[in-house]
Amino acid sequence: MFGASSLAGFSLSEQDRHHGRYTLVNVVECARRCIE
């Protein structure tokens, strides 16, 4: 999941990467509140 290699040569496009970052915003915010 977090490694440098992927299965069958799959690679994310830049749009996929931006979408992934956007979907993690809620998780990061929740973790920030828990830490506080």
C-alpha atoms as a PDB file:
ATOM      1  CA  MET A   1       0.000   0.000   0.000  1.00  0.00           C
ATOM      2  CA  PHE A   2       2.751   2.462   0.864  1.00  0.00           C
ATOM      3  CA  GLY A   3       5.668   0.870  -0.958  1.00  0.00           C
ATOM      4  CA  ALA A   4       7.491   2.176  -3.989  1.00  0.00           C
ATOM      5  CA  SER A   5       6.414  -0.632  -6.324  1.00  0.00           C
ATOM      6  CA  SER A   6       3.018  -1.456  -7.786  1.00  0.00           C
ATOM      7  CA  LEU A   7       1.325  -4.494  -9.268  1.00  0.00           C
ATOM      8  CA  ALA A   8       1.445  -5.124 -12.993  1.00  0.00           C
ATOM      9  CA  GLY A   9       3.059  -1.741 -13.693  1.00  0.00           C
ATOM     10  CA  PHE A  10       0.035   0.234 -12.482  1.00  0.00           C
ATOM     11  CA  SER A  11       0.799   3.901 -11.893  1.00  0.00           C
ATOM     12  CA  LEU A  12      -1.363   6.795 -10.769  1.00  0.00           C
ATOM     13  CA  SER A  13      -1.908   9.856 -12.892  1.00  0.00           C
ATOM     14  CA  GLU A  14      -1.345  13.288 -11.390  1.00  0.00           C
ATOM     15  CA  GLN A  15      -5.138  13.728 -11.256  1.00  0.00           C
ATOM     16  CA  ASP A  16      -5.419  10.467  -9.267  1.00  0.00           C
ATOM     17  CA  ARG A  17      -2.792  11.710  -6.827  1.00  0.00           C
ATOM     18  CA  HIS A  18      -4.607  14.999  -6.272  1.00  0.00           C
ATOM     19  CA  HIS A  19      -7.888  13.170  -5.717  1.00  0.00           C
ATOM     20  CA  GLY A  20      -6.206  10.868  -3.201  1.00  0.00           C
ATOM     21  CA  ARG A  21      -4.798  13.817  -1.267  1.00  0.00           C
ATOM     22  CA  TYR A  22      -8.234  15.438  -1.207  1.00  0.00           C
ATOM     23  CA  THR A  23      -9.912  12.318   0.185  1.00  0.00           C
ATOM     24  CA  LEU A  24      -7.388  12.114   3.030  1.00  0.00           C
ATOM     25  CA  VAL A  25      -8.121  15.643   4.275  1.00  0.00           C
ATOM     26  CA  ASN A  26     -10.853  14.355   6.620  1.00  0.00           C
ATOM     27  CA  VAL A  27      -8.596  11.637   8.037  1.00  0.00           C
ATOM     28  CA  VAL A  28      -5.771  14.114   8.665  1.00  0.00           C
ATOM     29  CA  GLU A  29      -8.146  16.598  10.317  1.00  0.00           C
ATOM     30  CA  CYS A  30      -9.593  13.893  12.571  1.00  0.00           C
ATOM     31  CA  ALA A  31      -6.120  12.726  13.595  1.00  0.00           C
ATOM     32  CA  ARG A  32      -5.108  16.318  14.318  1.00  0.00           C
ATOM     33  CA  ARG A  33      -8.118  16.788  16.617  1.00  0.00           C
ATOM     34  CA  CYS A  34      -7.395  13.490  18.423  1.00  0.00           C
ATOM     35  CA  ILE A  35      -3.777  14.486  19.015  1.00  0.00           C
ATOM     36  CA  GLU A  36      -4.829  17.843  20.438  1.00  0.00           C
END
